[in-house]
Amino acid sequence: MTRQATSAETPPGPSTEASPRSDTPTFVIHWLMVVGLAVSLLTGLRIADSDGRLGWRWIEPLLLQGDVGRWHVWSAYLLLGAASAYVALLWRGALGGRVKLMPASLTAADPAQRRRGWNRLLYWVAFALLAVAGASGALMYFAAGRLPEPLVANVHQAAAWGFVAYVGLHVAAQLWLGGVAQLLKILRPRMAYGAAGLAAMGVAGAAWAVLAGGERVATSELHMRRVAVLPVVDGLPDDAAWKDAPAVTVHTTRGANFPQGETAVTIRAVRDATDAVFLFEWPDSTRSHKHLPLVKTAQGWQVKESRYAKNDEDDYYEDKFGVMFSRLASMGGGAAQLGSHPLPGKPAPTAGRGLHATTDGSIVDVWHWKSVRSGGLGQIDDNYFGPPLPAETGKRYTGGYTQDPKQSGGFDQNWDKIPGSPYVRPKFLPRDMAALQARVGPIDLSPTHGDTQLLAMSKAETVPYSAELDTYPVGTVLPSVVLEAPFTGDRGDVAAVGTWKDGRWRLEARRKLDTHSAYDLPFETGLSVWVSAFDHSQARHTRHTHPVRLVLD
């Protein structure tokens, strides 16, 4: 067996075999690794692109789109399983000579020996890249928060680009070692090392079982206790029901404006016979209520924003919080479709990063708390992700993301665009500007400056806009949110109150255990829960890879 391994490394020349050939186990493992590496690169770089981390824009059209998070995990498992199988093959088949490093061979006088030495060194570069990619990926996927996520992500991405370079070097090195025949030997396997191959597949299966076990360990359980008296929904965690309620803390990452993009969310939940109440808590250094304020200039009213035109505002926006309930435990609940055009036949996302939609006809229940808009109504905006919606001319396409139907109530955006102009016309003016200014206090327009009051007006505080009433001086700031009344109907199913104190948000939310709505999911054991925090950002929220599994005690 050792003699065969050595001859397999010999470049073509005068030998008993016209062209070199691989053995069947190596053939299978090699192509499993090729598939795993290709899918891993094309999905991983897409994930980096969705976070704004992909510097080389030319490669973007080549990347996979859609539910790439799930494919990225599966490809990583395939790579690690195949790598484990290869180690087992080398050991069980006594084939260590294939990869044994011999430094003297790098400068040997014999050209063939020198070429083999450099090829072996290149194999070890691939092993090192795989180890770095595997370790950094495992840290992000199974142990978020152990190290700063941007650091780990940058190391992971560097390993990915290293693999891109390795592929070219590997092909060139094989040609250098023995020409086209050497390169093509992996396409012509011979039957050999059958027992070692079977052992290698067994090791691969064991590796996948370990990874699957890691998935279960990484999934926390949120136990929803039954209590005699539910907490009052006031945003204060001082009710007796919360004292003994089990808590789960989820480390979320990759959100705009948070330090290192990270914040930890603590979740509690209790219920009675008909209703459930959740308590969510997370650090946020500032309370942000400046949702696209209107500012009077010498030429007219302007919306204060930086990237709102691309639906990617990270400066002048309110703090928000999202909760997602899904029957699927896969990353993103099966509703994260990444890419510049992820839904065939549908419009592209404005920001070019992706859309939320399901592709199997299912519904993912989504709570979207907006601290000014729905927060000012004492509710969470009850939404859902579903199948891709029809496109409407002149409206931003949102994939399968939309709101539950309502009967009445809600909030309004306080401006109309002036066609062909960078300015807008307010829909409403305050009935009493002095009273409004006294209530909201001085407004600091710095995006990082915290706010003490909601920058919003109730409908009762306003009058319709008219040029005659618009006598305010340059520099006047108006709210862009007009609150009408709480939602009624499905969209108003969730009562919620958020409070901010000492750099921490606390949000309580109450809903029926089962609303019997086609747009909601009932709370039941096994439901997957995700949370995300927005620090004065429109779309760049934090996220986590493993769901929290709901358990009704």
Protein backbone atom coordinates (compact mmCIF):
# COMPACT_ATOMS: atom_id res chain seq x y z
CA MET A 1 0.00 0.00 0.00
CA THR A 2 2.85 2.35 0.76
CA ARG A 3 4.44 1.57 -2.58
CA GLN A 4 1.17 2.41 -4.41
CA ALA A 5 0.89 5.70 -2.56
CA THR A 6 4.39 6.68 -3.64
CA SER A 7 3.82 5.78 -7.27
CA ALA A 8 0.63 7.82 -7.31
CA GLU A 9 2.77 10.92 -6.72
CA THR A 10 5.18 10.19 -9.58
CA PRO A 11 4.75 12.43 -12.63
CA PRO A 12 4.02 10.75 -15.95
CA GLY A 13 7.02 9.35 -17.76
CA PRO A 14 8.38 5.92 -18.53
CA SER A 15 6.23 3.79 -16.23
CA THR A 16 3.96 0.80 -16.30
CA GLU A 17 0.94 3.09 -16.42
CA ALA A 18 0.38 5.35 -19.46
CA SER A 19 -1.34 8.08 -17.39
CA PRO A 20 -1.61 8.59 -13.64
CA ARG A 21 -4.94 7.73 -12.04
CA SER A 22 -6.52 8.51 -8.70
CA ASP A 23 -8.11 5.95 -6.41
CA THR A 24 -11.88 5.84 -5.89
CA PRO A 25 -12.02 7.10 -2.27
CA THR A 26 -9.77 10.06 -3.13
CA PHE A 27 -11.91 10.74 -6.22
CA VAL A 28 -15.11 10.84 -4.15
CA ILE A 29 -13.64 12.94 -1.31
CA HIS A 30 -11.97 15.35 -3.74
CA TRP A 31 -15.19 16.12 -5.60
CA LEU A 32 -17.22 16.39 -2.40
CA MET A 33 -14.72 19.01 -1.27
CA VAL A 34 -14.88 20.79 -4.63
CA VAL A 35 -18.68 21.01 -4.43
CA GLY A 36 -18.57 22.05 -0.78
CA LEU A 37 -15.93 24.70 -1.42
CA ALA A 38 -17.73 26.14 -4.46
CA VAL A 39 -21.07 26.42 -2.68
CA SER A 40 -19.42 27.74 0.47
CA LEU A 41 -17.60 30.49 -1.43
CA LEU A 42 -20.57 31.50 -3.58
CA THR A 43 -22.88 31.70 -0.57
CA GLY A 44 -20.42 33.05 1.99
CA LEU A 45 -19.36 35.94 -0.23
CA ARG A 46 -23.06 36.67 -0.84
CA ILE A 47 -23.59 36.91 2.93
CA ALA A 48 -20.59 39.25 3.12
CA ASP A 49 -22.10 41.32 0.32
CA SER A 50 -25.40 41.66 2.20
CA ASP A 51 -23.44 43.12 5.15
CA GLY A 52 -21.48 45.53 2.95
CA ARG A 53 -18.25 43.58 3.45
CA LEU A 54 -17.65 42.57 -0.16
CA GLY A 55 -15.11 44.96 -1.61
CA TRP A 56 -14.81 43.51 -5.13
CA ARG A 57 -18.09 44.42 -6.84
CA TRP A 58 -17.19 42.60 -10.07
CA ILE A 59 -17.74 39.24 -8.38
CA GLU A 60 -21.27 40.01 -7.14
CA PRO A 61 -23.12 38.73 -10.29
CA LEU A 62 -21.36 35.36 -9.92
CA LEU A 63 -22.64 34.69 -6.40
CA LEU A 64 -25.61 32.52 -5.46
CA GLN A 65 -28.83 34.24 -4.39
CA GLY A 66 -31.85 33.34 -2.29
CA ASP A 67 -31.82 31.31 0.94
CA VAL A 68 -28.02 31.21 0.89
CA GLY A 69 -27.60 31.05 4.68
CA ARG A 70 -28.97 27.52 4.77
CA TRP A 71 -26.80 26.45 1.81
CA HIS A 72 -23.73 28.01 3.40
CA VAL A 73 -24.17 25.93 6.55
CA TRP A 74 -24.78 22.74 4.61
CA SER A 75 -21.72 23.33 2.41
CA ALA A 76 -19.59 23.93 5.52
CA TYR A 77 -20.78 20.63 6.94
CA LEU A 78 -19.97 18.91 3.66
CA LEU A 79 -16.46 20.41 3.64
CA LEU A 80 -15.72 19.46 7.22
CA GLY A 81 -17.14 15.97 6.73
CA ALA A 82 -15.05 15.44 3.60
CA ALA A 83 -11.93 16.76 5.34
CA SER A 84 -12.50 14.32 8.21
CA ALA A 85 -12.93 11.52 5.69
CA TYR A 86 -9.65 12.42 3.99
CA VAL A 87 -7.74 12.31 7.27
CA ALA A 88 -9.26 8.89 7.95
CA LEU A 89 -8.32 7.71 4.45
CA LEU A 90 -4.70 8.78 4.91
CA TRP A 91 -4.53 7.03 8.27
CA ARG A 92 -6.44 3.83 7.43
CA GLY A 93 -4.81 3.44 4.04
CA ALA A 94 -1.26 4.24 5.28
CA LEU A 95 -1.14 7.05 2.71
CA GLY A 96 0.58 9.69 4.80
CA GLY A 97 3.36 9.89 2.24
CA ARG A 98 1.02 11.82 -0.03
CA VAL A 99 1.12 14.84 2.24
CA LYS A 100 4.31 14.32 4.26
CA LEU A 101 6.32 17.52 4.35
CA MET A 102 9.99 17.07 3.46
CA PRO A 103 11.70 20.50 3.56
CA ALA A 104 14.78 19.17 1.77
CA SER A 105 12.67 18.34 -1.27
CA LEU A 106 11.87 22.03 -1.81
CA THR A 107 15.46 22.64 -2.93
CA ALA A 108 16.31 19.16 -4.26
CA ALA A 109 18.42 18.89 -7.37
CA ASP A 110 15.91 16.48 -8.94
CA PRO A 111 13.20 18.64 -10.59
CA ALA A 112 10.52 15.97 -10.12
CA GLN A 113 11.28 15.65 -6.41
CA ARG A 114 11.28 19.45 -6.07
CA ARG A 115 7.88 19.73 -7.78
CA ARG A 116 6.41 17.06 -5.50
CA GLY A 117 7.76 18.90 -2.45
CA TRP A 118 6.17 22.18 -3.42
CA ASN A 119 2.85 20.44 -4.17
CA ARG A 120 2.84 18.88 -0.71
CA LEU A 121 3.53 22.29 0.83
CA LEU A 122 0.58 23.68 -1.12
CA TYR A 123 -1.64 20.92 0.30
CA TRP A 124 -0.74 22.13 3.78
CA VAL A 125 -1.70 25.67 2.82
CA ALA A 126 -5.16 24.28 1.97
CA PHE A 127 -5.30 22.42 5.29
CA ALA A 128 -4.40 25.63 7.16
CA LEU A 129 -7.04 27.64 5.27
CA LEU A 130 -9.65 24.98 6.02
CA ALA A 131 -8.72 25.04 9.71
CA VAL A 132 -8.96 28.85 9.89
CA ALA A 133 -12.23 28.95 7.97
CA GLY A 134 -13.69 26.16 10.08
CA ALA A 135 -12.63 27.66 13.41
CA SER A 136 -13.79 31.19 12.57
CA GLY A 137 -17.05 29.92 11.08
CA ALA A 138 -17.71 27.79 14.14
CA LEU A 139 -17.11 30.81 16.39
CA MET A 140 -19.67 32.89 14.50
CA TYR A 141 -22.21 30.08 14.13
CA PHE A 142 -21.98 28.25 17.45
CA ALA A 143 -20.33 30.73 19.82
CA ALA A 144 -21.28 34.27 18.84
CA GLY A 145 -19.96 36.86 21.27
CA ARG A 146 -16.88 34.96 22.41
CA LEU A 147 -14.74 37.30 20.27
CA PRO A 148 -15.66 40.55 18.46
CA GLU A 149 -17.75 39.50 15.48
CA PRO A 150 -16.14 41.92 12.96
CA LEU A 151 -12.70 40.49 13.77
CA VAL A 152 -13.86 36.88 13.36
CA ALA A 153 -15.81 37.72 10.20
CA ASN A 154 -12.76 39.40 8.65
CA VAL A 155 -10.60 36.37 9.40
CA HIS A 156 -13.29 34.10 7.92
CA GLN A 157 -13.53 36.21 4.78
CA ALA A 158 -9.74 36.31 4.42
CA ALA A 159 -9.71 32.51 4.50
CA ALA A 160 -12.38 32.50 1.79
CA TRP A 161 -10.27 34.70 -0.49
CA GLY A 162 -7.32 32.47 0.37
CA PHE A 163 -9.26 29.50 -1.01
CA VAL A 164 -10.00 31.44 -4.21
CA ALA A 165 -6.25 31.97 -4.66
CA TYR A 166 -5.52 28.36 -3.69
CA VAL A 167 -7.75 26.94 -6.43
CA GLY A 168 -5.71 28.70 -9.11
CA LEU A 169 -2.41 27.74 -7.50
CA HIS A 170 -3.52 24.11 -7.09
CA VAL A 171 -4.43 23.77 -10.78
CA ALA A 172 -1.16 25.43 -11.83
CA ALA A 173 0.86 23.23 -9.46
CA GLN A 174 -0.70 20.04 -10.80
CA LEU A 175 0.12 21.11 -14.35
CA TRP A 176 3.68 21.88 -13.22
CA LEU A 177 3.92 18.50 -11.52
CA GLY A 178 2.92 16.37 -14.47
CA GLY A 179 1.11 18.25 -17.19
CA VAL A 180 -2.48 17.78 -18.28
CA ALA A 181 -2.38 14.05 -17.53
CA GLN A 182 -1.56 14.78 -13.88
CA LEU A 183 -4.36 17.34 -13.69
CA LEU A 184 -6.92 14.99 -15.22
CA LYS A 185 -6.05 11.97 -13.10
CA ILE A 186 -8.75 12.97 -10.64
CA LEU A 187 -11.30 12.29 -13.40
CA ARG A 188 -10.11 8.69 -13.93
CA PRO A 189 -10.33 6.78 -10.64
CA ARG A 190 -9.25 3.19 -10.21
CA MET A 191 -10.59 0.73 -7.68
CA ALA A 192 -8.23 0.81 -4.71
CA TYR A 193 -8.27 1.34 -0.93
CA GLY A 194 -11.85 0.13 -0.61
CA ALA A 195 -11.62 -0.68 3.11
CA ALA A 196 -9.95 2.63 3.85
CA GLY A 197 -12.63 4.39 1.82
CA LEU A 198 -15.43 2.76 3.81
CA ALA A 199 -13.72 3.77 7.05
CA ALA A 200 -13.40 7.33 5.74
CA MET A 201 -17.11 7.53 4.99
CA GLY A 202 -17.84 6.26 8.49
CA VAL A 203 -15.71 9.03 9.95
CA ALA A 204 -17.50 11.58 7.77
CA GLY A 205 -20.84 10.34 9.10
CA ALA A 206 -19.55 10.66 12.67
CA ALA A 207 -18.37 14.22 11.96
CA TRP A 208 -21.81 15.17 10.62
CA ALA A 209 -23.43 13.64 13.71
CA VAL A 210 -21.20 15.78 15.94
CA LEU A 211 -22.12 18.89 13.97
CA ALA A 212 -25.82 18.05 14.20
CA GLY A 213 -25.38 17.68 17.96
CA GLY A 214 -23.75 21.09 18.02
CA GLU A 215 -26.87 22.52 16.36
CA ARG A 216 -29.02 21.18 19.20
CA VAL A 217 -26.67 22.52 21.87
CA ALA A 218 -26.59 25.96 20.23
CA THR A 219 -30.41 26.20 20.22
CA SER A 220 -31.64 27.63 23.53
CA GLU A 221 -35.09 26.99 24.95
CA LEU A 222 -37.43 29.72 26.14
CA HIS A 223 -39.78 28.28 28.74
CA MET A 224 -43.09 30.12 28.83
CA ARG A 225 -44.41 29.60 32.35
CA ARG A 226 -48.07 29.69 33.20
CA VAL A 227 -48.85 32.32 35.87
CA ALA A 228 -51.94 33.32 37.82
CA VAL A 229 -51.65 37.03 37.00
CA LEU A 230 -50.07 38.32 33.81
CA PRO A 231 -47.74 41.34 33.97
CA VAL A 232 -49.17 44.77 33.23
CA VAL A 233 -47.86 45.86 29.82
CA ASP A 234 -46.12 49.07 30.81
CA GLY A 235 -42.50 48.47 29.78
CA LEU A 236 -41.42 48.03 33.41
CA PRO A 237 -40.07 44.60 34.44
CA ASP A 238 -41.21 44.91 38.04
CA ASP A 239 -44.24 42.61 38.02
CA ALA A 240 -44.19 39.53 40.25
CA ALA A 241 -44.63 37.24 37.23
CA TRP A 242 -41.18 38.20 35.90
CA LYS A 243 -39.27 37.31 39.07
CA ASP A 244 -39.34 33.55 38.47
CA ALA A 245 -39.71 33.59 34.68
CA PRO A 246 -36.77 31.76 33.02
CA ALA A 247 -34.64 34.07 30.88
CA VAL A 248 -32.75 33.38 27.66
CA THR A 249 -30.04 35.75 26.46
CA VAL A 250 -29.24 35.78 22.76
CA HIS A 251 -26.10 37.44 21.40
CA THR A 252 -27.03 39.29 18.20
CA THR A 253 -24.55 40.66 15.69
CA ARG A 254 -24.09 42.59 12.43
CA GLY A 255 -26.37 45.54 13.21
CA ALA A 256 -25.67 49.15 12.29
CA ASN A 257 -24.63 51.68 14.96
CA PHE A 258 -24.24 49.21 17.85
CA PRO A 259 -20.67 48.86 19.20
CA GLN A 260 -18.99 46.27 16.95
CA GLY A 261 -22.49 45.76 15.52
CA GLU A 262 -23.43 43.61 18.53
CA THR A 263 -25.97 43.63 21.34
CA ALA A 264 -27.33 40.96 23.68
CA VAL A 265 -31.11 40.49 23.93
CA THR A 266 -32.67 38.91 27.01
CA ILE A 267 -36.08 37.28 26.56
CA ARG A 268 -38.71 36.16 29.08
CA ALA A 269 -42.25 34.93 28.47
CA VAL A 270 -45.26 34.01 30.61
CA ARG A 271 -48.86 33.06 29.87
CA ASP A 272 -52.27 32.34 31.30
CA ALA A 273 -55.06 30.32 29.71
CA THR A 274 -55.57 32.72 26.80
CA ASP A 275 -52.73 35.24 26.49
CA ALA A 276 -48.94 35.45 26.48
CA VAL A 277 -46.69 38.33 27.53
CA PHE A 278 -43.07 38.70 26.41
CA LEU A 279 -40.35 40.87 27.94
CA PHE A 280 -37.42 41.84 25.74
CA GLU A 281 -34.40 43.77 27.08
CA TRP A 282 -31.31 44.97 25.24
CA PRO A 283 -28.56 47.59 25.63
CA ASP A 284 -28.69 50.69 23.45
CA SER A 285 -26.64 53.70 24.52
CA THR A 286 -29.12 56.25 23.17
CA ARG A 287 -32.89 56.51 22.83
CA SER A 288 -33.39 57.53 19.19
CA HIS A 289 -36.69 59.11 18.15
CA LYS A 290 -35.59 61.26 15.19
CA HIS A 291 -37.53 59.49 12.48
CA LEU A 292 -36.76 61.41 9.26
CA PRO A 293 -37.52 64.88 10.71
CA LEU A 294 -38.64 67.71 8.43
CA VAL A 295 -36.43 70.80 8.44
CA LYS A 296 -37.43 74.21 7.07
CA THR A 297 -34.85 75.70 4.71
CA ALA A 298 -34.84 78.95 2.75
CA GLN A 299 -36.02 77.02 -0.32
CA GLY A 300 -38.63 74.81 1.40
CA TRP A 301 -39.05 71.75 3.62
CA GLN A 302 -36.53 68.92 3.40
CA VAL A 303 -36.49 65.43 4.87
CA LYS A 304 -33.42 64.99 7.05
CA GLU A 305 -31.89 61.72 5.82
CA SER A 306 -28.72 60.17 4.43
CA ARG A 307 -29.73 56.96 2.62
CA TYR A 308 -33.50 56.84 2.93
CA ALA A 309 -33.88 57.09 -0.85
CA LYS A 310 -32.24 53.64 -1.01
CA ASN A 311 -34.31 52.32 1.92
CA ASP A 312 -31.10 51.99 3.90
CA GLU A 313 -31.22 54.87 6.39
CA ASP A 314 -28.77 54.55 9.28
CA ASP A 315 -28.80 58.08 10.71
CA TYR A 316 -32.21 59.72 10.99
CA TYR A 317 -34.39 56.85 12.07
CA GLU A 318 -36.07 55.60 15.22
CA ASP A 319 -34.92 52.69 17.37
CA LYS A 320 -36.81 49.51 16.49
CA PHE A 321 -37.07 45.88 17.51
CA GLY A 322 -38.11 42.80 15.55
CA VAL A 323 -39.38 39.38 16.58
CA MET A 324 -39.88 36.52 14.15
CA PHE A 325 -41.82 33.30 14.79
CA SER A 326 -41.38 30.41 12.36
CA ARG A 327 -42.13 26.71 12.24
CA LEU A 328 -38.74 26.23 10.55
CA ALA A 329 -35.57 26.19 12.62
CA SER A 330 -33.27 26.89 9.66
CA MET A 331 -31.35 30.15 9.53
CA GLY A 332 -33.69 33.09 8.94
CA GLY A 333 -36.76 30.89 9.29
CA GLY A 334 -36.67 30.22 5.54
CA ALA A 335 -37.60 33.84 4.79
CA ALA A 336 -34.21 35.51 4.14
CA GLN A 337 -33.56 35.76 0.41
CA LEU A 338 -30.21 37.45 -0.14
CA GLY A 339 -28.91 39.00 -3.32
CA SER A 340 -29.28 41.88 -5.73
CA HIS A 341 -32.14 40.05 -7.51
CA PRO A 342 -33.07 37.09 -5.29
CA LEU A 343 -36.65 36.44 -6.49
CA PRO A 344 -36.87 35.45 -10.18
CA GLY A 345 -39.38 37.50 -12.09
CA LYS A 346 -39.74 40.08 -9.31
CA PRO A 347 -38.25 43.57 -8.90
CA ALA A 348 -34.81 43.93 -7.34
CA PRO A 349 -34.46 45.23 -3.77
CA THR A 350 -33.71 48.94 -3.66
CA ALA A 351 -30.65 48.54 -1.41
CA GLY A 352 -29.41 45.53 -3.41
CA ARG A 353 -28.99 43.34 -0.32
CA GLY A 354 -31.99 41.03 -0.40
CA LEU A 355 -35.67 40.59 0.43
CA HIS A 356 -37.75 38.75 2.99
CA ALA A 357 -40.06 36.12 1.49
CA THR A 358 -40.88 32.45 1.80
CA THR A 359 -40.68 30.14 -1.20
CA ASP A 360 -42.74 27.22 0.13
CA GLY A 361 -46.04 29.04 0.65
CA SER A 362 -45.58 29.26 4.42
CA ILE A 363 -46.10 32.26 6.71
CA VAL A 364 -43.50 33.61 9.14
CA ASP A 365 -45.09 35.75 11.85
CA VAL A 366 -43.23 39.04 12.38
CA TRP A 367 -43.53 41.66 15.11
CA HIS A 368 -42.04 45.02 14.16
CA TRP A 369 -41.89 47.48 17.03
CA LYS A 370 -41.12 51.01 15.88
CA SER A 371 -40.40 53.17 18.90
CA VAL A 372 -42.02 56.31 17.40
CA ARG A 373 -44.66 54.99 15.00
CA SER A 374 -46.16 51.85 16.55
CA GLY A 375 -44.61 52.69 19.94
CA GLY A 376 -46.59 55.92 19.99
CA LEU A 377 -49.75 53.83 19.59
CA GLY A 378 -48.90 51.37 22.38
CA GLN A 379 -48.59 48.52 19.90
CA ILE A 380 -46.23 46.38 17.88
CA ASP A 381 -46.88 46.53 14.14
CA ASP A 382 -48.06 42.97 13.41
CA ASN A 383 -46.55 41.89 10.08
CA TYR A 384 -45.60 38.70 8.25
CA PHE A 385 -43.25 37.26 5.66
CA GLY A 386 -45.04 35.19 3.06
CA PRO A 387 -44.81 34.21 -0.61
CA PRO A 388 -43.56 36.94 -2.99
CA LEU A 389 -46.15 39.67 -3.48
CA PRO A 390 -47.18 41.15 -6.85
CA ALA A 391 -45.19 44.23 -7.83
CA GLU A 392 -47.02 47.56 -7.84
CA THR A 393 -45.94 50.40 -10.12
CA GLY A 394 -44.40 53.29 -8.24
CA LYS A 395 -44.11 51.44 -4.93
CA ARG A 396 -41.04 49.94 -3.29
CA TYR A 397 -41.04 46.18 -3.70
CA THR A 398 -40.77 44.34 -0.38
CA GLY A 399 -40.76 40.70 -1.52
CA GLY A 400 -43.09 38.79 0.79
CA TYR A 401 -42.93 41.30 3.65
CA THR A 402 -46.16 43.10 4.43
CA GLN A 403 -48.51 44.03 7.24
CA ASP A 404 -51.41 42.04 8.62
CA PRO A 405 -54.71 43.53 7.43
CA LYS A 406 -56.25 46.27 9.54
CA GLN A 407 -59.70 47.75 9.97
CA SER A 408 -58.67 51.22 11.10
CA GLY A 409 -56.00 53.25 12.87
CA GLY A 410 -52.30 53.60 12.33
CA PHE A 411 -49.80 56.34 11.55
CA ASP A 412 -49.07 58.57 8.58
CA GLN A 413 -45.92 59.93 6.98
CA ASN A 414 -46.11 63.71 7.23
CA TRP A 415 -45.00 64.73 3.76
CA ASP A 416 -45.67 64.46 0.06
CA LYS A 417 -42.85 64.60 -2.45
CA ILE A 418 -42.78 67.57 -4.81
CA PRO A 419 -42.20 66.07 -8.28
CA GLY A 420 -38.84 66.96 -9.75
CA SER A 421 -37.70 68.66 -6.56
CA PRO A 422 -35.52 67.68 -3.57
CA TYR A 423 -38.09 69.34 -1.32
CA VAL A 424 -41.32 68.07 0.18
CA ARG A 425 -44.62 69.53 1.31
CA PRO A 426 -45.84 68.69 4.82
CA LYS A 427 -49.30 67.10 4.98
CA PHE A 428 -49.99 68.53 8.42
CA LEU A 429 -48.84 71.44 10.55
CA PRO A 430 -49.12 71.67 14.33
CA ARG A 431 -52.28 73.28 15.63
CA ASP A 432 -50.15 74.92 18.33
CA MET A 433 -46.43 75.08 17.51
CA ALA A 434 -45.54 76.49 20.93
CA ALA A 435 -47.27 73.61 22.69
CA LEU A 436 -45.53 71.06 20.42
CA GLN A 437 -42.12 72.59 21.05
CA ALA A 438 -42.75 72.66 24.78
CA ARG A 439 -43.68 68.97 24.73
CA VAL A 440 -40.79 67.63 22.61
CA GLY A 441 -38.20 70.11 23.89
CA PRO A 442 -35.14 71.30 21.95
CA ILE A 443 -34.28 68.94 19.08
CA ASP A 444 -30.61 68.12 18.50
CA LEU A 445 -30.35 66.87 14.92
CA SER A 446 -27.15 64.92 15.51
CA PRO A 447 -27.96 61.27 14.73
CA THR A 448 -26.03 60.06 17.78
CA HIS A 449 -27.71 62.44 20.22
CA GLY A 450 -30.32 60.76 22.40
CA ASP A 451 -33.90 62.02 22.58
CA THR A 452 -36.18 62.40 25.57
CA GLN A 453 -39.57 62.57 23.83
CA LEU A 454 -41.28 61.06 20.79
CA LEU A 455 -40.81 63.24 17.75
CA ALA A 456 -44.39 62.73 16.58
CA MET A 457 -47.74 64.51 16.52
CA SER A 458 -51.16 63.06 17.17
CA LYS A 459 -53.75 63.73 14.48
CA ALA A 460 -55.67 65.82 16.98
CA GLU A 461 -52.66 68.15 17.37
CA THR A 462 -52.56 69.02 13.67
CA VAL A 463 -54.26 71.00 10.96
CA PRO A 464 -53.97 70.34 7.21
CA TYR A 465 -51.05 72.05 5.55
CA SER A 466 -51.57 75.39 3.84
CA ALA A 467 -49.06 77.91 2.52
CA GLU A 468 -50.79 80.64 4.54
CA LEU A 469 -50.06 78.83 7.81
CA ASP A 470 -46.49 77.94 6.83
CA THR A 471 -44.85 81.01 8.35
CA TYR A 472 -42.23 79.18 10.41
CA PRO A 473 -38.65 80.46 10.36
CA VAL A 474 -35.78 78.67 8.62
CA GLY A 475 -34.44 75.91 10.89
CA THR A 476 -37.85 74.88 12.24
CA VAL A 477 -38.10 71.11 12.78
CA LEU A 478 -41.36 69.21 12.32
CA PRO A 479 -42.12 65.57 13.10
CA SER A 480 -42.49 63.29 10.11
CA VAL A 481 -44.85 60.96 11.99
CA VAL A 482 -48.54 61.67 12.59
CA LEU A 483 -50.25 59.22 14.93
CA GLU A 484 -53.91 58.58 14.22
CA ALA A 485 -55.17 55.85 16.57
CA PRO A 486 -54.19 52.30 17.55
CA PHE A 487 -54.63 49.69 14.84
CA THR A 488 -57.78 47.60 14.95
CA GLY A 489 -58.01 44.22 13.24
CA ASP A 490 -55.20 41.72 12.71
CA ARG A 491 -52.52 44.40 12.51
CA GLY A 492 -53.37 45.52 16.05
CA ASP A 493 -53.14 42.09 17.72
CA VAL A 494 -50.06 42.93 19.82
CA ALA A 495 -50.17 45.49 22.62
CA ALA A 496 -46.69 46.75 23.53
CA VAL A 497 -44.93 49.38 25.60
CA GLY A 498 -41.20 50.12 25.49
CA THR A 499 -39.23 52.13 28.01
CA TRP A 500 -35.61 53.28 27.89
CA LYS A 501 -33.52 53.91 30.97
CA ASP A 502 -29.79 54.01 31.69
CA GLY A 503 -28.78 52.77 28.24
CA ARG A 504 -31.23 49.87 28.08
CA TRP A 505 -34.54 49.25 26.29
CA ARG A 506 -37.27 47.18 27.94
CA LEU A 507 -40.19 46.13 25.77
CA GLU A 508 -43.27 44.26 26.99
CA ALA A 509 -45.69 42.76 24.45
CA ARG A 510 -48.98 40.91 24.89
CA ARG A 511 -50.93 38.78 22.39
CA LYS A 512 -53.45 35.94 22.39
CA LEU A 513 -51.91 32.48 22.46
CA ASP A 514 -53.85 31.77 19.28
CA THR A 515 -55.37 34.65 17.32
CA HIS A 516 -56.93 32.23 14.78
CA SER A 517 -55.58 34.51 12.06
CA ALA A 518 -54.13 33.25 8.79
CA TYR A 519 -51.32 35.81 9.25
CA ASP A 520 -50.22 34.75 12.75
CA LEU A 521 -48.72 31.58 14.22
CA PRO A 522 -50.11 30.20 17.49
CA PHE A 523 -47.72 30.00 20.41
CA GLU A 524 -46.92 26.32 20.91
CA THR A 525 -44.00 24.16 21.92
CA GLY A 526 -41.47 23.86 19.12
CA LEU A 527 -42.04 27.29 17.59
CA SER A 528 -38.75 28.96 16.57
CA VAL A 529 -38.14 32.51 17.75
CA TRP A 530 -35.64 35.09 16.45
CA VAL A 531 -35.04 38.63 17.67
CA SER A 532 -33.32 41.63 16.14
CA ALA A 533 -32.50 45.13 17.38
CA PHE A 534 -32.26 48.31 15.29
CA ASP A 535 -30.19 51.22 16.58
CA HIS A 536 -31.71 54.20 14.69
CA SER A 537 -31.43 52.13 11.51
CA GLN A 538 -34.06 51.41 8.88
CA ALA A 539 -32.94 47.96 7.78
CA ARG A 540 -29.52 46.99 9.20
CA HIS A 541 -30.68 45.11 12.27
CA THR A 542 -28.78 42.66 14.42
CA ARG A 543 -29.43 38.95 13.94
CA HIS A 544 -28.46 35.52 15.28
CA THR A 545 -27.94 32.20 13.53
CA HIS A 546 -29.78 29.76 15.80
CA PRO A 547 -33.39 30.23 16.87
CA VAL A 548 -34.72 30.09 20.39
CA ARG A 549 -37.11 27.14 20.76
CA LEU A 550 -40.34 28.04 22.54
CA VAL A 551 -41.53 25.60 25.21
CA LEU A 552 -44.92 26.03 26.89
CA ASP A 553 -44.63 24.79 30.47
